[in-house]
Amino acid sequence: MRDDAFRAYFERHHASLSRLAYLMTGESDVADDLAADALTEVWRHWDRVTAAGDPAAYGHGIVMNLARNWVRRRGRERLLSFGSLRRSRDTDVPAVLDVRGALSRLPERRRACVVLRYAFDLPEREVATMLGISVGAVKSATSRGAKQLAELLGDHVRIDGWEAAR
């Protein structure tokens, strides 16, 4: 019974967990690893997951925590390695809107709010619960993140029905 329920959870949410991890890290191999780690944690704490009001949000919260830790760890590694302090590729090419590159330039909280609100279409309250912040903080971070993303991508940007202009 537990195995069948987890298998159904896995099939329903694996792609979403992996996509969230990818949007937060920008690296597909890392995203796959983080999604697998999150699913391992979901399995280990299955009773808590099933008792949660929204098991999908529980899994997304685990991915957010794992991604946050990965980003922090990677930042520390970069500081320790002088050779890795090279400038990232130029995102000013007008013919290419590098959303992933622009997202990676947003501060962590803004990036999380923008990704969860626009890419996953989650309500503000759910994002607030997932990130452990107030709804007002979600609104503020999403607004500022969207504005910063629009500035990074150019004068007028349209992404999956979301429009931002500076």
N, C-alpha and C. Protein backbone atom coordinates (compact mmCIF):
# COMPACT_ATOMS: atom_id res chain seq x y z
N MET A 1 0.82 -1.19 0.00
CA MET A 1 0.00 0.00 0.00
C MET A 1 0.87 1.26 0.00
N ARG A 2 1.84 1.33 0.95
CA ARG A 2 2.74 2.49 1.02
C ARG A 2 3.55 2.59 -0.27
N ASP A 3 4.04 1.44 -0.75
CA ASP A 3 4.83 1.44 -1.99
C ASP A 3 4.03 1.98 -3.16
N ASP A 4 2.78 1.56 -3.27
CA ASP A 4 1.93 2.02 -4.38
C ASP A 4 1.65 3.52 -4.28
N ALA A 5 1.41 3.99 -3.06
CA ALA A 5 1.14 5.41 -2.87
C ALA A 5 2.37 6.25 -3.21
N PHE A 6 3.54 5.80 -2.78
CA PHE A 6 4.76 6.53 -3.11
C PHE A 6 5.03 6.49 -4.61
N ARG A 7 4.82 5.35 -5.22
CA ARG A 7 5.04 5.23 -6.67
C ARG A 7 4.14 6.23 -7.41
N ALA A 8 2.89 6.35 -6.97
CA ALA A 8 1.97 7.31 -7.59
C ALA A 8 2.47 8.74 -7.36
N TYR A 9 2.95 9.04 -6.16
CA TYR A 9 3.50 10.36 -5.85
C TYR A 9 4.70 10.64 -6.76
N PHE A 10 5.59 9.67 -6.88
CA PHE A 10 6.78 9.80 -7.72
C PHE A 10 6.38 10.12 -9.16
N GLU A 11 5.47 9.33 -9.70
CA GLU A 11 5.07 9.52 -11.10
C GLU A 11 4.39 10.86 -11.32
N ARG A 12 3.65 11.32 -10.34
CA ARG A 12 2.91 12.57 -10.46
C ARG A 12 3.81 13.79 -10.29
N HIS A 13 4.87 13.68 -9.45
CA HIS A 13 5.61 14.88 -9.05
C HIS A 13 7.09 14.91 -9.44
N HIS A 14 7.64 13.82 -9.93
CA HIS A 14 9.07 13.81 -10.23
C HIS A 14 9.47 14.90 -11.21
N ALA A 15 8.75 15.03 -12.30
CA ALA A 15 9.10 16.03 -13.31
C ALA A 15 9.03 17.45 -12.73
N SER A 16 8.03 17.71 -11.93
CA SER A 16 7.87 19.04 -11.33
C SER A 16 9.00 19.34 -10.35
N LEU A 17 9.39 18.35 -9.55
CA LEU A 17 10.49 18.54 -8.61
C LEU A 17 11.80 18.79 -9.34
N SER A 18 12.01 18.05 -10.41
CA SER A 18 13.23 18.21 -11.19
C SER A 18 13.26 19.57 -11.89
N ARG A 19 12.12 20.00 -12.41
CA ARG A 19 12.05 21.30 -13.08
C ARG A 19 12.32 22.44 -12.09
N LEU A 20 11.75 22.34 -10.91
CA LEU A 20 11.99 23.35 -9.88
C LEU A 20 13.48 23.40 -9.53
N ALA A 21 14.09 22.24 -9.33
CA ALA A 21 15.52 22.20 -9.00
C ALA A 21 16.35 22.80 -10.14
N TYR A 22 15.96 22.53 -11.38
CA TYR A 22 16.68 23.08 -12.52
C TYR A 22 16.56 24.61 -12.57
N LEU A 23 15.36 25.11 -12.34
CA LEU A 23 15.17 26.55 -12.37
C LEU A 23 15.92 27.24 -11.24
N MET A 24 16.12 26.56 -10.13
CA MET A 24 16.82 27.16 -9.00
C MET A 24 18.34 27.04 -9.13
N THR A 25 18.83 26.01 -9.83
CA THR A 25 20.29 25.81 -9.93
C THR A 25 20.83 26.12 -11.31
N GLY A 26 20.02 25.94 -12.35
CA GLY A 26 20.47 26.17 -13.72
C GLY A 26 21.30 25.03 -14.28
N GLU A 27 21.35 23.92 -13.58
CA GLU A 27 22.16 22.78 -14.05
C GLU A 27 21.33 21.51 -14.02
N SER A 28 21.18 20.88 -15.20
CA SER A 28 20.28 19.72 -15.29
C SER A 28 20.78 18.52 -14.49
N ASP A 29 22.07 18.25 -14.48
CA ASP A 29 22.58 17.11 -13.70
C ASP A 29 22.33 17.31 -12.21
N VAL A 30 22.58 18.51 -11.74
CA VAL A 30 22.34 18.84 -10.34
C VAL A 30 20.86 18.74 -10.03
N ALA A 31 20.03 19.22 -10.94
CA ALA A 31 18.58 19.17 -10.74
C ALA A 31 18.10 17.74 -10.58
N ASP A 32 18.60 16.85 -11.43
CA ASP A 32 18.21 15.43 -11.31
C ASP A 32 18.63 14.86 -9.96
N ASP A 33 19.83 15.20 -9.53
CA ASP A 33 20.31 14.72 -8.23
C ASP A 33 19.47 15.27 -7.09
N LEU A 34 19.16 16.55 -7.14
CA LEU A 34 18.35 17.17 -6.08
C LEU A 34 16.94 16.59 -6.05
N ALA A 35 16.37 16.36 -7.21
CA ALA A 35 15.02 15.76 -7.26
C ALA A 35 15.06 14.35 -6.67
N ALA A 36 16.10 13.59 -6.99
CA ALA A 36 16.24 12.24 -6.43
C ALA A 36 16.42 12.30 -4.92
N ASP A 37 17.24 13.24 -4.46
CA ASP A 37 17.44 13.40 -3.01
C ASP A 37 16.13 13.80 -2.32
N ALA A 38 15.37 14.67 -2.96
CA ALA A 38 14.09 15.10 -2.39
C ALA A 38 13.12 13.93 -2.30
N LEU A 39 13.07 13.13 -3.34
CA LEU A 39 12.18 11.97 -3.33
C LEU A 39 12.61 10.95 -2.28
N THR A 40 13.91 10.84 -2.05
CA THR A 40 14.40 9.97 -0.97
C THR A 40 13.90 10.47 0.38
N GLU A 41 13.96 11.79 0.57
CA GLU A 41 13.47 12.38 1.82
C GLU A 41 11.95 12.21 1.95
N VAL A 42 11.24 12.35 0.84
CA VAL A 42 9.79 12.13 0.86
C VAL A 42 9.50 10.70 1.31
N TRP A 43 10.23 9.73 0.77
CA TRP A 43 10.04 8.33 1.15
C TRP A 43 10.36 8.11 2.63
N ARG A 44 11.47 8.69 3.08
CA ARG A 44 11.88 8.52 4.49
C ARG A 44 10.85 9.10 5.45
N HIS A 45 10.18 10.18 5.04
CA HIS A 45 9.22 10.86 5.91
C HIS A 45 7.80 10.76 5.34
N TRP A 46 7.50 9.62 4.76
CA TRP A 46 6.23 9.44 4.06
C TRP A 46 5.02 9.75 4.94
N ASP A 47 5.08 9.37 6.22
CA ASP A 47 3.95 9.63 7.11
C ASP A 47 3.69 11.13 7.24
N ARG A 48 4.76 11.92 7.36
CA ARG A 48 4.61 13.38 7.44
C ARG A 48 4.08 13.94 6.13
N VAL A 49 4.57 13.41 5.02
CA VAL A 49 4.16 13.89 3.70
C VAL A 49 2.66 13.66 3.50
N THR A 50 2.20 12.46 3.83
CA THR A 50 0.79 12.15 3.63
C THR A 50 -0.10 12.89 4.62
N ALA A 51 0.45 13.25 5.77
CA ALA A 51 -0.32 14.01 6.76
C ALA A 51 -0.37 15.50 6.41
N ALA A 52 0.54 15.95 5.56
CA ALA A 52 0.59 17.36 5.17
C ALA A 52 -0.65 17.69 4.35
N GLY A 53 -1.08 18.92 4.44
CA GLY A 53 -2.24 19.36 3.68
C GLY A 53 -2.03 19.26 2.18
N ASP A 54 -0.79 19.46 1.74
CA ASP A 54 -0.47 19.43 0.31
C ASP A 54 0.86 18.69 0.13
N PRO A 55 0.79 17.38 -0.12
CA PRO A 55 2.02 16.59 -0.27
C PRO A 55 2.96 17.11 -1.37
N ALA A 56 2.41 17.66 -2.44
CA ALA A 56 3.27 18.21 -3.51
C ALA A 56 4.07 19.39 -2.98
N ALA A 57 3.43 20.25 -2.22
CA ALA A 57 4.14 21.40 -1.64
C ALA A 57 5.22 20.94 -0.68
N TYR A 58 4.97 19.88 0.04
CA TYR A 58 5.97 19.32 0.95
C TYR A 58 7.23 18.94 0.15
N GLY A 59 7.02 18.24 -0.95
CA GLY A 59 8.16 17.85 -1.80
C GLY A 59 8.86 19.05 -2.41
N HIS A 60 8.09 20.06 -2.85
CA HIS A 60 8.69 21.27 -3.39
C HIS A 60 9.51 21.99 -2.32
N GLY A 61 9.02 21.98 -1.10
CA GLY A 61 9.78 22.60 0.00
C GLY A 61 11.11 21.92 0.22
N ILE A 62 11.12 20.60 0.13
CA ILE A 62 12.38 19.86 0.27
C ILE A 62 13.34 20.25 -0.85
N VAL A 63 12.83 20.32 -2.07
CA VAL A 63 13.69 20.71 -3.21
C VAL A 63 14.24 22.12 -2.98
N MET A 64 13.40 23.04 -2.53
CA MET A 64 13.87 24.41 -2.29
C MET A 64 14.99 24.42 -1.26
N ASN A 65 14.85 23.68 -0.19
CA ASN A 65 15.90 23.62 0.83
C ASN A 65 17.18 23.01 0.27
N LEU A 66 17.05 21.92 -0.47
CA LEU A 66 18.24 21.30 -1.06
C LEU A 66 18.91 22.22 -2.08
N ALA A 67 18.12 22.90 -2.90
CA ALA A 67 18.68 23.83 -3.90
C ALA A 67 19.36 24.99 -3.20
N ARG A 68 18.74 25.52 -2.17
CA ARG A 68 19.32 26.63 -1.41
C ARG A 68 20.68 26.22 -0.83
N ASN A 69 20.74 25.04 -0.26
CA ASN A 69 22.00 24.54 0.29
C ASN A 69 23.05 24.35 -0.81
N TRP A 70 22.62 23.84 -1.97
CA TRP A 70 23.56 23.63 -3.07
C TRP A 70 24.12 24.97 -3.56
N VAL A 71 23.25 25.97 -3.70
CA VAL A 71 23.70 27.29 -4.16
C VAL A 71 24.69 27.88 -3.16
N ARG A 72 24.40 27.78 -1.89
CA ARG A 72 25.31 28.31 -0.86
C ARG A 72 26.66 27.59 -0.90
N ARG A 73 26.61 26.27 -0.98
CA ARG A 73 27.84 25.47 -1.02
C ARG A 73 28.66 25.83 -2.25
N ARG A 74 27.99 25.98 -3.37
CA ARG A 74 28.68 26.33 -4.62
C ARG A 74 29.31 27.72 -4.50
N GLY A 75 28.60 28.65 -3.87
CA GLY A 75 29.15 29.99 -3.68
C GLY A 75 30.42 29.96 -2.84
N ARG A 76 30.41 29.16 -1.78
CA ARG A 76 31.62 29.04 -0.95
C ARG A 76 32.77 28.41 -1.74
N GLU A 77 32.45 27.40 -2.56
CA GLU A 77 33.48 26.76 -3.37
C GLU A 77 34.10 27.75 -4.35
N ARG A 78 33.27 28.60 -4.93
CA ARG A 78 33.78 29.60 -5.86
C ARG A 78 34.69 30.59 -5.17
N LEU A 79 34.35 30.98 -3.97
CA LEU A 79 35.19 31.92 -3.24
C LEU A 79 36.55 31.32 -2.93
N LEU A 80 36.58 30.01 -2.70
CA LEU A 80 37.84 29.35 -2.36
C LEU A 80 38.70 29.07 -3.59
N SER A 81 38.12 29.11 -4.76
CA SER A 81 38.85 28.78 -5.98
C SER A 81 38.99 30.02 -6.85
N PHE A 82 40.15 30.62 -6.88
CA PHE A 82 40.40 31.83 -7.65
C PHE A 82 40.12 31.62 -9.12
N GLY A 83 40.44 30.46 -9.64
CA GLY A 83 40.25 30.18 -11.06
C GLY A 83 38.79 30.18 -11.49
N SER A 84 37.88 29.95 -10.57
CA SER A 84 36.47 29.90 -10.96
C SER A 84 35.79 31.26 -10.89
N LEU A 85 36.54 32.31 -10.61
CA LEU A 85 35.95 33.63 -10.50
C LEU A 85 35.85 34.34 -11.84
N ARG A 86 35.98 33.58 -12.93
CA ARG A 86 35.84 34.17 -14.26
C ARG A 86 34.42 34.64 -14.48
N ARG A 87 34.30 35.61 -15.32
CA ARG A 87 32.99 36.19 -15.64
C ARG A 87 32.15 35.18 -16.41
N SER A 88 30.85 35.16 -16.11
CA SER A 88 29.95 34.26 -16.81
C SER A 88 29.74 34.77 -18.24
N ARG A 89 29.17 33.92 -19.09
CA ARG A 89 29.00 34.29 -20.49
C ARG A 89 28.12 35.53 -20.62
N ASP A 90 28.35 36.26 -21.67
CA ASP A 90 27.66 37.53 -21.91
C ASP A 90 26.19 37.26 -22.21
N THR A 91 25.30 37.88 -21.43
CA THR A 91 23.86 37.70 -21.66
C THR A 91 23.25 38.91 -22.35
N ASP A 92 24.09 39.82 -22.90
CA ASP A 92 23.58 41.02 -23.53
C ASP A 92 23.30 40.85 -25.02
N VAL A 93 23.41 39.67 -25.56
CA VAL A 93 23.15 39.43 -26.97
C VAL A 93 21.66 39.66 -27.22
N PRO A 94 21.32 40.67 -28.05
CA PRO A 94 19.91 41.02 -28.23
C PRO A 94 19.06 39.91 -28.82
N ALA A 95 19.65 39.01 -29.59
CA ALA A 95 18.86 37.97 -30.24
C ALA A 95 18.47 36.84 -29.28
N VAL A 96 19.08 36.80 -28.10
CA VAL A 96 18.85 35.68 -27.19
C VAL A 96 18.39 36.19 -25.82
N LEU A 97 17.24 35.71 -25.38
CA LEU A 97 16.78 36.03 -24.03
C LEU A 97 17.13 34.84 -23.14
N ASP A 98 18.18 35.00 -22.38
CA ASP A 98 18.64 33.90 -21.55
C ASP A 98 17.98 34.00 -20.17
N VAL A 99 16.78 33.49 -20.08
CA VAL A 99 16.02 33.56 -18.84
C VAL A 99 16.75 32.84 -17.72
N ARG A 100 17.31 31.68 -18.02
CA ARG A 100 18.04 30.92 -17.00
C ARG A 100 19.20 31.73 -16.46
N GLY A 101 19.95 32.36 -17.33
CA GLY A 101 21.08 33.18 -16.89
C GLY A 101 20.62 34.37 -16.07
N ALA A 102 19.52 34.98 -16.50
CA ALA A 102 18.98 36.12 -15.76
C ALA A 102 18.47 35.68 -14.39
N LEU A 103 17.81 34.53 -14.34
CA LEU A 103 17.33 34.02 -13.05
C LEU A 103 18.49 33.78 -12.09
N SER A 104 19.60 33.27 -12.61
CA SER A 104 20.74 32.99 -11.74
C SER A 104 21.34 34.26 -11.15
N ARG A 105 21.04 35.40 -11.76
CA ARG A 105 21.57 36.68 -11.26
C ARG A 105 20.67 37.32 -10.21
N LEU A 106 19.47 36.78 -10.04
CA LEU A 106 18.57 37.31 -9.01
C LEU A 106 19.03 36.82 -7.63
N PRO A 107 18.82 37.63 -6.60
CA PRO A 107 19.08 37.14 -5.24
C PRO A 107 18.20 35.91 -4.97
N GLU A 108 18.66 35.06 -4.09
CA GLU A 108 18.02 33.77 -3.86
C GLU A 108 16.52 33.86 -3.57
N ARG A 109 16.12 34.73 -2.66
CA ARG A 109 14.69 34.81 -2.31
C ARG A 109 13.86 35.31 -3.49
N ARG A 110 14.36 36.30 -4.22
CA ARG A 110 13.62 36.80 -5.38
C ARG A 110 13.49 35.71 -6.43
N ARG A 111 14.59 35.01 -6.68
CA ARG A 111 14.57 33.93 -7.68
C ARG A 111 13.55 32.87 -7.27
N ALA A 112 13.56 32.48 -6.00
CA ALA A 112 12.63 31.45 -5.53
C ALA A 112 11.18 31.92 -5.71
N CYS A 113 10.90 33.15 -5.33
CA CYS A 113 9.53 33.67 -5.45
C CYS A 113 9.09 33.76 -6.91
N VAL A 114 9.95 34.28 -7.77
CA VAL A 114 9.60 34.41 -9.19
C VAL A 114 9.36 33.03 -9.80
N VAL A 115 10.25 32.08 -9.52
CA VAL A 115 10.11 30.74 -10.09
C VAL A 115 8.84 30.07 -9.59
N LEU A 116 8.61 30.12 -8.28
CA LEU A 116 7.44 29.44 -7.74
C LEU A 116 6.13 30.10 -8.17
N ARG A 117 6.11 31.42 -8.25
CA ARG A 117 4.88 32.12 -8.65
C ARG A 117 4.61 32.00 -10.15
N TYR A 118 5.64 32.22 -11.01
CA TYR A 118 5.41 32.27 -12.44
C TYR A 118 5.62 30.92 -13.14
N ALA A 119 6.66 30.20 -12.80
CA ALA A 119 6.90 28.93 -13.49
C ALA A 119 5.99 27.83 -12.96
N PHE A 120 5.66 27.88 -11.65
CA PHE A 120 4.83 26.84 -11.06
C PHE A 120 3.42 27.32 -10.75
N ASP A 121 3.16 28.60 -10.96
CA ASP A 121 1.84 29.19 -10.79
C ASP A 121 1.25 28.89 -9.40
N LEU A 122 2.11 28.95 -8.38
CA LEU A 122 1.66 28.69 -7.01
C LEU A 122 1.10 29.97 -6.40
N PRO A 123 0.08 29.85 -5.55
CA PRO A 123 -0.45 31.03 -4.88
C PRO A 123 0.54 31.60 -3.87
N GLU A 124 0.42 32.87 -3.60
CA GLU A 124 1.35 33.56 -2.69
C GLU A 124 1.42 32.87 -1.33
N ARG A 125 0.28 32.47 -0.80
CA ARG A 125 0.25 31.84 0.51
C ARG A 125 1.07 30.53 0.53
N GLU A 126 0.94 29.75 -0.53
CA GLU A 126 1.69 28.50 -0.61
C GLU A 126 3.19 28.76 -0.71
N VAL A 127 3.57 29.76 -1.50
CA VAL A 127 4.98 30.13 -1.61
C VAL A 127 5.51 30.59 -0.25
N ALA A 128 4.71 31.39 0.44
CA ALA A 128 5.11 31.87 1.77
C ALA A 128 5.34 30.71 2.72
N THR A 129 4.43 29.76 2.74
CA THR A 129 4.58 28.59 3.60
C THR A 129 5.81 27.79 3.23
N MET A 130 6.00 27.59 1.93
CA MET A 130 7.13 26.80 1.44
C MET A 130 8.47 27.43 1.83
N LEU A 131 8.56 28.75 1.75
CA LEU A 131 9.82 29.45 2.01
C LEU A 131 9.95 29.91 3.46
N GLY A 132 8.88 29.78 4.24
CA GLY A 132 8.93 30.20 5.63
C GLY A 132 8.99 31.71 5.81
N ILE A 133 8.27 32.44 4.93
CA ILE A 133 8.24 33.90 5.00
C ILE A 133 6.78 34.35 4.94
N SER A 134 6.53 35.64 5.16
CA SER A 134 5.17 36.15 5.13
C SER A 134 4.68 36.32 3.69
N VAL A 135 3.36 36.40 3.54
CA VAL A 135 2.77 36.64 2.22
C VAL A 135 3.25 37.98 1.68
N GLY A 136 3.36 38.98 2.55
CA GLY A 136 3.86 40.29 2.13
C GLY A 136 5.28 40.22 1.59
N ALA A 137 6.10 39.40 2.23
CA ALA A 137 7.48 39.22 1.75
C ALA A 137 7.50 38.54 0.39
N VAL A 138 6.57 37.60 0.17
CA VAL A 138 6.47 36.95 -1.14
C VAL A 138 6.08 37.97 -2.20
N LYS A 139 5.07 38.80 -1.89
CA LYS A 139 4.63 39.82 -2.84
C LYS A 139 5.77 40.77 -3.19
N SER A 140 6.49 41.21 -2.18
CA SER A 140 7.59 42.14 -2.40
C SER A 140 8.71 41.51 -3.21
N ALA A 141 9.13 40.31 -2.80
CA ALA A 141 10.24 39.64 -3.50
C ALA A 141 9.85 39.30 -4.93
N THR A 142 8.60 38.90 -5.15
CA THR A 142 8.15 38.57 -6.50
C THR A 142 8.13 39.82 -7.37
N SER A 143 7.60 40.90 -6.84
CA SER A 143 7.54 42.15 -7.59
C SER A 143 8.94 42.65 -7.94
N ARG A 144 9.81 42.68 -6.96
CA ARG A 144 11.18 43.16 -7.20
C ARG A 144 11.94 42.21 -8.11
N GLY A 145 11.74 40.91 -7.93
CA GLY A 145 12.40 39.93 -8.79
C GLY A 145 11.94 40.03 -10.22
N ALA A 146 10.63 40.21 -10.42
CA ALA A 146 10.10 40.35 -11.78
C ALA A 146 10.64 41.61 -12.45
N LYS A 147 10.71 42.70 -11.68
CA LYS A 147 11.25 43.95 -12.23
C LYS A 147 12.72 43.78 -12.60
N GLN A 148 13.50 43.16 -11.70
CA GLN A 148 14.92 42.95 -11.97
C GLN A 148 15.11 42.02 -13.16
N LEU A 149 14.28 40.97 -13.25
CA LEU A 149 14.36 40.05 -14.38
C LEU A 149 14.07 40.78 -15.68
N ALA A 150 13.07 41.64 -15.67
CA ALA A 150 12.74 42.42 -16.86
C ALA A 150 13.90 43.32 -17.26
N GLU A 151 14.56 43.92 -16.27
CA GLU A 151 15.70 44.79 -16.56
C GLU A 151 16.86 43.98 -17.13
N LEU A 152 17.06 42.79 -16.63
CA LEU A 152 18.14 41.95 -17.13
C LEU A 152 17.88 41.45 -18.54
N LEU A 153 16.60 41.24 -18.87
CA LEU A 153 16.26 40.67 -20.16
C LEU A 153 15.95 41.71 -21.24
N GLY A 154 15.78 42.95 -20.86
CA GLY A 154 15.53 43.97 -21.86
C GLY A 154 14.31 44.80 -21.53
N ASP A 155 13.95 45.67 -22.47
CA ASP A 155 12.88 46.63 -22.25
C ASP A 155 11.51 46.01 -22.12
N HIS A 156 11.23 44.97 -22.87
CA HIS A 156 9.88 44.41 -22.87
C HIS A 156 10.00 42.89 -23.01
N VAL A 157 9.51 42.18 -22.01
CA VAL A 157 9.66 40.73 -21.98
C VAL A 157 8.30 40.09 -21.75
N ARG A 158 8.04 38.98 -22.43
CA ARG A 158 6.82 38.21 -22.21
C ARG A 158 7.22 36.76 -22.01
N ILE A 159 6.85 36.22 -20.85
CA ILE A 159 7.21 34.84 -20.53
C ILE A 159 5.95 34.12 -20.08
N ASP A 160 5.51 33.12 -20.84
CA ASP A 160 4.36 32.28 -20.48
C ASP A 160 3.20 33.07 -19.92
N GLY A 161 2.76 34.07 -20.64
CA GLY A 161 1.61 34.85 -20.22
C GLY A 161 1.93 35.94 -19.22
N TRP A 162 3.14 36.03 -18.77
CA TRP A 162 3.56 37.06 -17.82
C TRP A 162 4.31 38.11 -18.59
N GLU A 163 3.94 39.33 -18.37
CA GLU A 163 4.55 40.44 -19.11
C GLU A 163 5.16 41.41 -18.13
N ALA A 164 6.35 41.87 -18.42
CA ALA A 164 7.00 42.86 -17.57
C ALA A 164 7.66 43.90 -18.46
N ALA A 165 7.53 45.11 -18.07
CA ALA A 165 8.21 46.20 -18.80
C ALA A 165 8.86 47.09 -17.77
N ARG A 166 10.01 47.66 -18.17
CA ARG A 166 10.64 48.56 -17.21
C ARG A 166 10.31 49.97 -17.54
